[in-house]
Amino acid sequence: MDKDNKVIDGNDNDISHNYFVSFSKNTGIITVNKRTIKIISESISKVYDGKELKSENDTKTISILSGKLLEGDYLVPTYKTSITNVSEPVKNEYYITAFDKYGNDVTNHYDFKQEYGTLEIKKFKLNITTESERFVYDGKEHFPSSDDNDYS
């Protein structure tokens, strides 16, 4: 937008810096474009404990990779993904909502490009010790290595 054209709010404040505006002198059309913001959800992992792993619906769990929110605006994710059992990493999917400093939903002012972190639950390492053996649990049957024992 050139210096002669401005976006003015209801109180006659110049708020041009809040918008990406283009003006075509040939057609007289003014185009207001949404701000593009590239964001990513957090990646988290833990060792298996039988409890659900899910990101909190908190502004701290989202990072802005590029672009900038208007001053006072903030993001709140709503996470869709959770896992409970050992797994390969899965996408940490979410919905995003943008709010202004007054708590108004301004999501439609932005063009969000979403990327996804991951959730992963890792195997719990269990050491097993008997009188004659010591091994890490692997789900397989183990026998003592000594031939001095009668297994019958």
N, C-alpha and C. Protein backbone atom coordinates (compact mmCIF):
# COMPACT_ATOMS: atom_id res chain seq x y z
N MET A 1 0.85 -1.16 0.00
CA MET A 1 0.00 0.00 0.00
C MET A 1 0.90 1.22 0.00
N ASP A 2 0.59 2.20 -0.85
CA ASP A 2 1.45 3.37 -0.90
C ASP A 2 1.12 4.34 0.24
N LYS A 3 1.97 5.36 0.42
CA LYS A 3 1.83 6.28 1.56
C LYS A 3 0.57 7.13 1.50
N ASP A 4 -0.04 7.29 0.33
CA ASP A 4 -1.24 8.11 0.20
C ASP A 4 -2.51 7.36 0.60
N ASN A 5 -2.44 6.05 0.69
CA ASN A 5 -3.61 5.25 1.05
C ASN A 5 -3.40 4.64 2.41
N LYS A 6 -4.45 4.64 3.22
CA LYS A 6 -4.36 4.12 4.58
C LYS A 6 -5.61 3.32 4.90
N VAL A 7 -5.44 2.41 5.86
CA VAL A 7 -6.59 1.71 6.43
C VAL A 7 -6.85 2.38 7.78
N ILE A 8 -8.07 2.89 7.95
CA ILE A 8 -8.44 3.65 9.14
C ILE A 8 -9.53 2.89 9.89
N ASP A 9 -9.40 2.80 11.23
CA ASP A 9 -10.44 2.14 12.01
C ASP A 9 -11.55 3.12 12.35
N GLY A 10 -12.53 2.69 13.13
CA GLY A 10 -13.69 3.52 13.47
C GLY A 10 -13.35 4.73 14.31
N ASN A 11 -12.14 4.77 14.88
CA ASN A 11 -11.71 5.92 15.69
C ASN A 11 -10.70 6.78 14.95
N ASP A 12 -10.64 6.65 13.62
CA ASP A 12 -9.71 7.40 12.75
C ASP A 12 -8.24 7.10 13.03
N ASN A 13 -7.94 5.91 13.58
CA ASN A 13 -6.55 5.50 13.78
C ASN A 13 -6.06 4.81 12.52
N ASP A 14 -4.82 5.12 12.12
CA ASP A 14 -4.20 4.45 10.97
C ASP A 14 -3.76 3.06 11.43
N ILE A 15 -4.42 2.04 10.90
CA ILE A 15 -4.08 0.66 11.26
C ILE A 15 -3.55 -0.11 10.04
N SER A 16 -2.98 0.62 9.09
CA SER A 16 -2.47 0.02 7.86
C SER A 16 -1.44 -1.06 8.13
N HIS A 17 -0.65 -0.89 9.20
CA HIS A 17 0.40 -1.87 9.53
C HIS A 17 -0.17 -3.23 9.91
N ASN A 18 -1.47 -3.30 10.20
CA ASN A 18 -2.10 -4.57 10.57
C ASN A 18 -2.50 -5.41 9.37
N TYR A 19 -2.38 -4.88 8.17
CA TYR A 19 -2.93 -5.56 6.99
C TYR A 19 -1.93 -5.59 5.85
N PHE A 20 -2.13 -6.56 4.97
CA PHE A 20 -1.41 -6.61 3.71
C PHE A 20 -2.43 -6.19 2.66
N VAL A 21 -2.28 -4.97 2.20
CA VAL A 21 -3.29 -4.39 1.31
C VAL A 21 -2.62 -4.07 -0.02
N SER A 22 -3.33 -4.39 -1.11
CA SER A 22 -2.85 -3.98 -2.43
C SER A 22 -3.98 -3.21 -3.11
N PHE A 23 -3.58 -2.21 -3.90
CA PHE A 23 -4.55 -1.36 -4.58
C PHE A 23 -4.19 -1.30 -6.05
N SER A 24 -5.16 -1.57 -6.88
CA SER A 24 -4.95 -1.49 -8.32
C SER A 24 -5.54 -0.19 -8.84
N LYS A 25 -4.67 0.70 -9.31
CA LYS A 25 -5.15 1.98 -9.85
C LYS A 25 -5.95 1.77 -11.14
N ASN A 26 -5.64 0.69 -11.85
CA ASN A 26 -6.36 0.42 -13.11
C ASN A 26 -7.81 0.04 -12.86
N THR A 27 -8.05 -0.74 -11.82
CA THR A 27 -9.42 -1.24 -11.58
C THR A 27 -10.09 -0.56 -10.40
N GLY A 28 -9.33 0.09 -9.56
CA GLY A 28 -9.89 0.71 -8.37
C GLY A 28 -10.22 -0.29 -7.28
N ILE A 29 -9.69 -1.50 -7.40
CA ILE A 29 -9.98 -2.56 -6.43
C ILE A 29 -8.92 -2.57 -5.34
N ILE A 30 -9.40 -2.58 -4.10
CA ILE A 30 -8.51 -2.72 -2.94
C ILE A 30 -8.65 -4.15 -2.44
N THR A 31 -7.53 -4.84 -2.29
CA THR A 31 -7.53 -6.22 -1.81
C THR A 31 -6.85 -6.29 -0.46
N VAL A 32 -7.56 -6.82 0.53
CA VAL A 32 -6.99 -7.03 1.86
C VAL A 32 -6.72 -8.53 1.99
N ASN A 33 -5.46 -8.88 2.17
CA ASN A 33 -5.04 -10.28 2.25
C ASN A 33 -4.84 -10.69 3.70
N LYS A 34 -5.15 -11.95 3.99
CA LYS A 34 -4.90 -12.50 5.31
C LYS A 34 -3.40 -12.61 5.54
N ARG A 35 -2.99 -12.48 6.78
CA ARG A 35 -1.59 -12.69 7.12
C ARG A 35 -1.30 -14.19 7.11
N THR A 36 -0.21 -14.57 6.46
CA THR A 36 0.19 -15.98 6.45
C THR A 36 1.10 -16.24 7.65
N ILE A 37 0.72 -17.25 8.43
CA ILE A 37 1.48 -17.63 9.61
C ILE A 37 1.75 -19.13 9.52
N LYS A 38 3.02 -19.51 9.58
CA LYS A 38 3.39 -20.93 9.56
C LYS A 38 3.67 -21.36 11.00
N ILE A 39 2.94 -22.41 11.45
CA ILE A 39 3.04 -22.85 12.83
C ILE A 39 3.30 -24.36 12.90
N ILE A 40 3.79 -24.79 14.06
CA ILE A 40 4.04 -26.22 14.28
C ILE A 40 3.69 -26.58 15.72
N SER A 41 3.12 -27.77 15.90
CA SER A 41 2.83 -28.27 17.24
C SER A 41 4.10 -28.85 17.84
N GLU A 42 4.10 -28.98 19.15
CA GLU A 42 5.28 -29.51 19.84
C GLU A 42 5.46 -31.01 19.57
N SER A 43 6.68 -31.47 19.77
CA SER A 43 6.99 -32.90 19.75
C SER A 43 7.29 -33.31 21.18
N ILE A 44 6.63 -34.38 21.64
CA ILE A 44 6.89 -34.87 22.99
C ILE A 44 6.97 -36.39 22.98
N SER A 45 7.74 -36.92 23.92
CA SER A 45 7.85 -38.37 24.05
C SER A 45 8.03 -38.70 25.52
N LYS A 46 7.76 -39.94 25.84
CA LYS A 46 7.97 -40.42 27.21
C LYS A 46 8.14 -41.93 27.16
N VAL A 47 8.61 -42.49 28.26
CA VAL A 47 8.73 -43.93 28.42
C VAL A 47 7.35 -44.44 28.85
N TYR A 48 6.98 -45.60 28.35
CA TYR A 48 5.68 -46.19 28.65
C TYR A 48 5.39 -46.21 30.15
N ASP A 49 4.21 -45.70 30.52
CA ASP A 49 3.76 -45.78 31.91
C ASP A 49 2.27 -46.13 32.00
N GLY A 50 1.66 -46.48 30.86
CA GLY A 50 0.25 -46.85 30.85
C GLY A 50 -0.70 -45.68 30.80
N LYS A 51 -0.17 -44.45 30.82
CA LYS A 51 -1.01 -43.25 30.81
C LYS A 51 -0.96 -42.56 29.45
N GLU A 52 -2.03 -41.86 29.13
CA GLU A 52 -2.16 -41.15 27.85
C GLU A 52 -1.08 -40.08 27.69
N LEU A 53 -0.61 -39.93 26.47
CA LEU A 53 0.31 -38.85 26.11
C LEU A 53 -0.42 -37.94 25.15
N LYS A 54 -0.56 -36.68 25.52
CA LYS A 54 -1.28 -35.69 24.71
C LYS A 54 -0.77 -34.31 25.07
N SER A 55 -0.65 -33.45 24.08
CA SER A 55 -0.24 -32.07 24.36
C SER A 55 -1.37 -31.33 25.06
N GLU A 56 -1.00 -30.39 25.90
CA GLU A 56 -1.98 -29.53 26.57
C GLU A 56 -2.47 -28.48 25.58
N ASN A 57 -3.75 -28.10 25.69
CA ASN A 57 -4.30 -27.03 24.85
C ASN A 57 -3.84 -25.70 25.41
N ASP A 58 -2.57 -25.37 25.14
CA ASP A 58 -1.92 -24.22 25.74
C ASP A 58 -1.10 -23.49 24.67
N THR A 59 -1.04 -22.18 24.78
CA THR A 59 -0.30 -21.38 23.80
C THR A 59 1.17 -21.76 23.73
N LYS A 60 1.72 -22.31 24.82
CA LYS A 60 3.15 -22.66 24.86
C LYS A 60 3.48 -23.89 24.02
N THR A 61 2.46 -24.63 23.55
CA THR A 61 2.72 -25.87 22.82
C THR A 61 2.74 -25.66 21.30
N ILE A 62 2.60 -24.42 20.86
CA ILE A 62 2.63 -24.07 19.44
C ILE A 62 3.78 -23.09 19.20
N SER A 63 4.52 -23.30 18.13
CA SER A 63 5.59 -22.38 17.76
C SER A 63 5.28 -21.76 16.40
N ILE A 64 5.59 -20.48 16.27
CA ILE A 64 5.45 -19.79 14.99
C ILE A 64 6.78 -19.92 14.25
N LEU A 65 6.72 -20.54 13.07
CA LEU A 65 7.93 -20.73 12.26
C LEU A 65 8.19 -19.54 11.36
N SER A 66 7.12 -18.91 10.86
CA SER A 66 7.27 -17.71 10.03
C SER A 66 5.99 -16.90 10.08
N GLY A 67 6.13 -15.62 9.80
CA GLY A 67 5.00 -14.71 9.90
C GLY A 67 4.93 -14.13 11.31
N LYS A 68 3.99 -13.22 11.49
CA LYS A 68 3.87 -12.56 12.79
C LYS A 68 2.40 -12.25 13.07
N LEU A 69 1.98 -12.54 14.30
CA LEU A 69 0.64 -12.18 14.72
C LEU A 69 0.57 -10.68 14.99
N LEU A 70 -0.63 -10.14 14.90
CA LEU A 70 -0.81 -8.74 15.28
C LEU A 70 -0.55 -8.60 16.78
N GLU A 71 -0.11 -7.44 17.19
CA GLU A 71 0.17 -7.21 18.59
C GLU A 71 -1.08 -7.50 19.43
N GLY A 72 -0.89 -8.30 20.47
CA GLY A 72 -2.00 -8.65 21.35
C GLY A 72 -2.72 -9.93 20.96
N ASP A 73 -2.58 -10.38 19.70
CA ASP A 73 -3.22 -11.64 19.28
C ASP A 73 -2.42 -12.82 19.81
N TYR A 74 -3.11 -13.93 20.04
CA TYR A 74 -2.46 -15.14 20.53
C TYR A 74 -3.18 -16.36 19.99
N LEU A 75 -2.49 -17.50 20.02
CA LEU A 75 -3.01 -18.75 19.47
C LEU A 75 -3.33 -19.74 20.57
N VAL A 76 -4.43 -20.48 20.37
CA VAL A 76 -4.78 -21.56 21.29
C VAL A 76 -5.04 -22.81 20.45
N PRO A 77 -4.22 -23.85 20.64
CA PRO A 77 -4.44 -25.10 19.91
C PRO A 77 -5.46 -25.98 20.63
N THR A 78 -6.14 -26.80 19.87
CA THR A 78 -6.98 -27.86 20.41
C THR A 78 -6.47 -29.15 19.78
N TYR A 79 -5.85 -29.99 20.60
CA TYR A 79 -5.20 -31.18 20.07
C TYR A 79 -6.18 -32.31 19.81
N LYS A 80 -5.96 -33.02 18.70
CA LYS A 80 -6.81 -34.13 18.27
C LYS A 80 -6.17 -35.48 18.55
N THR A 81 -4.87 -35.52 18.75
CA THR A 81 -4.14 -36.79 18.81
C THR A 81 -3.70 -37.10 20.23
N SER A 82 -3.85 -38.37 20.61
CA SER A 82 -3.28 -38.85 21.86
C SER A 82 -2.91 -40.32 21.66
N ILE A 83 -1.94 -40.79 22.44
CA ILE A 83 -1.54 -42.20 22.39
C ILE A 83 -1.32 -42.69 23.81
N THR A 84 -1.45 -44.00 23.99
CA THR A 84 -1.27 -44.60 25.31
C THR A 84 -0.22 -45.71 25.30
N ASN A 85 -0.07 -46.40 24.18
CA ASN A 85 0.84 -47.54 24.10
C ASN A 85 2.10 -47.20 23.31
N VAL A 86 3.10 -48.05 23.45
CA VAL A 86 4.36 -47.90 22.72
C VAL A 86 4.04 -47.83 21.23
N SER A 87 4.66 -46.87 20.56
CA SER A 87 4.40 -46.71 19.12
C SER A 87 5.54 -45.95 18.46
N GLU A 88 5.53 -46.02 17.15
CA GLU A 88 6.39 -45.15 16.37
C GLU A 88 5.84 -43.73 16.51
N PRO A 89 6.62 -42.70 16.22
CA PRO A 89 6.09 -41.33 16.32
C PRO A 89 4.86 -41.14 15.43
N VAL A 90 3.85 -40.44 15.96
CA VAL A 90 2.63 -40.11 15.22
C VAL A 90 2.49 -38.59 15.17
N LYS A 91 1.80 -38.09 14.14
CA LYS A 91 1.60 -36.65 14.00
C LYS A 91 0.79 -36.09 15.16
N ASN A 92 1.26 -35.00 15.71
CA ASN A 92 0.57 -34.32 16.81
C ASN A 92 -0.40 -33.30 16.20
N GLU A 93 -1.57 -33.80 15.76
CA GLU A 93 -2.52 -32.98 15.01
C GLU A 93 -3.34 -32.08 15.92
N TYR A 94 -3.77 -30.94 15.37
CA TYR A 94 -4.47 -29.94 16.17
C TYR A 94 -5.32 -29.02 15.29
N TYR A 95 -6.27 -28.36 15.95
CA TYR A 95 -6.99 -27.24 15.35
C TYR A 95 -6.39 -25.99 15.98
N ILE A 96 -6.41 -24.88 15.26
CA ILE A 96 -5.86 -23.65 15.83
C ILE A 96 -6.92 -22.57 15.83
N THR A 97 -6.95 -21.80 16.90
CA THR A 97 -7.84 -20.65 17.01
C THR A 97 -6.99 -19.45 17.42
N ALA A 98 -7.20 -18.32 16.75
CA ALA A 98 -6.50 -17.09 17.08
C ALA A 98 -7.48 -16.15 17.78
N PHE A 99 -6.99 -15.49 18.83
CA PHE A 99 -7.80 -14.54 19.59
C PHE A 99 -7.08 -13.20 19.65
N ASP A 100 -7.86 -12.11 19.71
CA ASP A 100 -7.24 -10.81 19.94
C ASP A 100 -7.14 -10.57 21.44
N LYS A 101 -6.60 -9.43 21.82
CA LYS A 101 -6.36 -9.16 23.24
C LYS A 101 -7.65 -9.07 24.06
N TYR A 102 -8.79 -8.95 23.38
CA TYR A 102 -10.08 -8.89 24.07
C TYR A 102 -10.77 -10.26 24.13
N GLY A 103 -10.13 -11.29 23.57
CA GLY A 103 -10.70 -12.63 23.59
C GLY A 103 -11.63 -12.91 22.41
N ASN A 104 -11.65 -12.01 21.42
CA ASN A 104 -12.46 -12.24 20.22
C ASN A 104 -11.75 -13.20 19.28
N ASP A 105 -12.50 -14.10 18.67
CA ASP A 105 -11.95 -15.05 17.71
C ASP A 105 -11.60 -14.30 16.42
N VAL A 106 -10.31 -14.27 16.08
CA VAL A 106 -9.85 -13.58 14.86
C VAL A 106 -9.14 -14.56 13.93
N THR A 107 -9.48 -15.84 14.04
CA THR A 107 -8.84 -16.88 13.24
C THR A 107 -8.93 -16.57 11.75
N ASN A 108 -10.07 -16.03 11.31
CA ASN A 108 -10.26 -15.76 9.88
C ASN A 108 -9.43 -14.58 9.37
N HIS A 109 -8.68 -13.92 10.22
CA HIS A 109 -7.77 -12.85 9.78
C HIS A 109 -6.44 -13.40 9.29
N TYR A 110 -6.24 -14.70 9.52
CA TYR A 110 -4.96 -15.33 9.21
C TYR A 110 -5.13 -16.50 8.24
N ASP A 111 -4.06 -16.76 7.52
CA ASP A 111 -3.96 -17.94 6.66
C ASP A 111 -2.89 -18.83 7.30
N PHE A 112 -3.35 -19.82 8.08
CA PHE A 112 -2.41 -20.67 8.82
C PHE A 112 -1.92 -21.81 7.95
N LYS A 113 -0.62 -22.00 7.93
CA LYS A 113 0.04 -23.14 7.30
C LYS A 113 0.55 -24.00 8.45
N GLN A 114 -0.10 -25.15 8.63
CA GLN A 114 0.20 -25.98 9.79
C GLN A 114 1.20 -27.09 9.49
N GLU A 115 2.14 -27.25 10.41
CA GLU A 115 3.04 -28.39 10.41
C GLU A 115 2.82 -29.10 11.74
N TYR A 116 3.32 -30.32 11.83
CA TYR A 116 3.02 -31.14 12.99
C TYR A 116 4.27 -31.70 13.63
N GLY A 117 4.35 -31.55 14.95
CA GLY A 117 5.35 -32.25 15.73
C GLY A 117 4.89 -33.69 15.88
N THR A 118 5.50 -34.43 16.80
CA THR A 118 5.15 -35.84 16.96
C THR A 118 4.91 -36.19 18.43
N LEU A 119 4.17 -37.28 18.61
CA LEU A 119 4.00 -37.92 19.91
C LEU A 119 4.63 -39.30 19.81
N GLU A 120 5.34 -39.72 20.85
CA GLU A 120 5.95 -41.05 20.83
C GLU A 120 6.05 -41.59 22.25
N ILE A 121 5.64 -42.84 22.40
CA ILE A 121 5.84 -43.55 23.66
C ILE A 121 6.88 -44.63 23.41
N LYS A 122 7.93 -44.58 24.22
CA LYS A 122 9.04 -45.51 24.06
C LYS A 122 8.90 -46.69 25.02
N LYS A 123 9.56 -47.78 24.67
CA LYS A 123 9.52 -48.98 25.50
C LYS A 123 10.15 -48.71 26.85
N PHE A 124 9.57 -49.34 27.86
CA PHE A 124 10.09 -49.31 29.22
C PHE A 124 11.14 -50.40 29.33
N LYS A 125 12.33 -50.05 29.78
CA LYS A 125 13.41 -51.03 29.91
C LYS A 125 13.27 -51.72 31.26
N LEU A 126 13.07 -53.04 31.21
CA LEU A 126 12.87 -53.83 32.42
C LEU A 126 14.02 -54.83 32.54
N ASN A 127 14.81 -54.68 33.58
CA ASN A 127 15.90 -55.62 33.85
C ASN A 127 15.37 -56.72 34.76
N ILE A 128 15.65 -57.97 34.39
CA ILE A 128 15.21 -59.12 35.17
C ILE A 128 16.45 -59.84 35.69
N THR A 129 16.45 -60.08 36.99
CA THR A 129 17.57 -60.79 37.61
C THR A 129 17.02 -61.97 38.39
N THR A 130 17.57 -63.14 38.10
CA THR A 130 17.22 -64.35 38.86
C THR A 130 18.48 -64.82 39.57
N GLU A 131 18.40 -65.95 40.23
CA GLU A 131 19.59 -66.48 40.91
C GLU A 131 20.74 -66.71 39.94
N SER A 132 20.42 -67.14 38.72
CA SER A 132 21.49 -67.52 37.80
C SER A 132 21.56 -66.66 36.53
N GLU A 133 20.61 -65.81 36.31
CA GLU A 133 20.58 -65.04 35.05
C GLU A 133 20.23 -63.58 35.29
N ARG A 134 20.63 -62.78 34.31
CA ARG A 134 20.26 -61.36 34.30
C ARG A 134 20.07 -60.97 32.84
N PHE A 135 18.93 -60.39 32.50
CA PHE A 135 18.68 -59.96 31.12
C PHE A 135 17.65 -58.85 31.10
N VAL A 136 17.58 -58.17 29.95
CA VAL A 136 16.58 -57.13 29.73
C VAL A 136 15.37 -57.81 29.13
N TYR A 137 14.19 -57.54 29.67
CA TYR A 137 12.96 -58.16 29.19
C TYR A 137 12.77 -57.87 27.70
N ASP A 138 12.52 -58.92 26.93
CA ASP A 138 12.32 -58.76 25.49
C ASP A 138 11.10 -59.57 25.00
N GLY A 139 10.31 -60.11 25.94
CA GLY A 139 9.11 -60.85 25.56
C GLY A 139 9.38 -62.30 25.17
N LYS A 140 10.64 -62.72 25.20
CA LYS A 140 10.99 -64.08 24.80
C LYS A 140 11.27 -64.93 26.03
N GLU A 141 11.13 -66.23 25.84
CA GLU A 141 11.40 -67.18 26.91
C GLU A 141 12.92 -67.30 27.09
N HIS A 142 13.38 -67.29 28.35
CA HIS A 142 14.81 -67.41 28.65
C HIS A 142 15.01 -68.59 29.60
N PHE A 143 16.12 -69.29 29.41
CA PHE A 143 16.47 -70.42 30.26
C PHE A 143 17.83 -70.16 30.86
N PRO A 144 18.06 -70.66 32.07
CA PRO A 144 19.39 -70.51 32.67
C PRO A 144 20.46 -71.13 31.78
N SER A 145 21.62 -70.55 31.75
CA SER A 145 22.68 -71.05 30.88
C SER A 145 23.45 -72.22 31.51
N SER A 146 23.29 -72.44 32.81
CA SER A 146 24.00 -73.52 33.48
C SER A 146 23.31 -74.85 33.22
N ASP A 147 24.11 -75.92 33.04
CA ASP A 147 23.55 -77.26 32.82
C ASP A 147 23.41 -78.02 34.14
N ASP A 148 23.71 -77.36 35.27
CA ASP A 148 23.66 -78.01 36.57
C ASP A 148 22.23 -78.10 37.12
N ASN A 149 21.29 -77.50 36.46
CA ASN A 149 19.92 -77.46 36.97
C ASN A 149 19.04 -78.52 36.33
N ASP A 150 18.13 -79.03 37.11
CA ASP A 150 17.13 -80.00 36.61
C ASP A 150 15.85 -79.23 36.41
N TYR A 151 15.36 -79.19 35.16
CA TYR A 151 14.17 -78.40 34.83
C TYR A 151 12.91 -79.22 34.85
N SER A 152 12.96 -80.46 35.25
CA SER A 152 11.76 -81.28 35.19
C SER A 152 10.89 -81.11 36.41
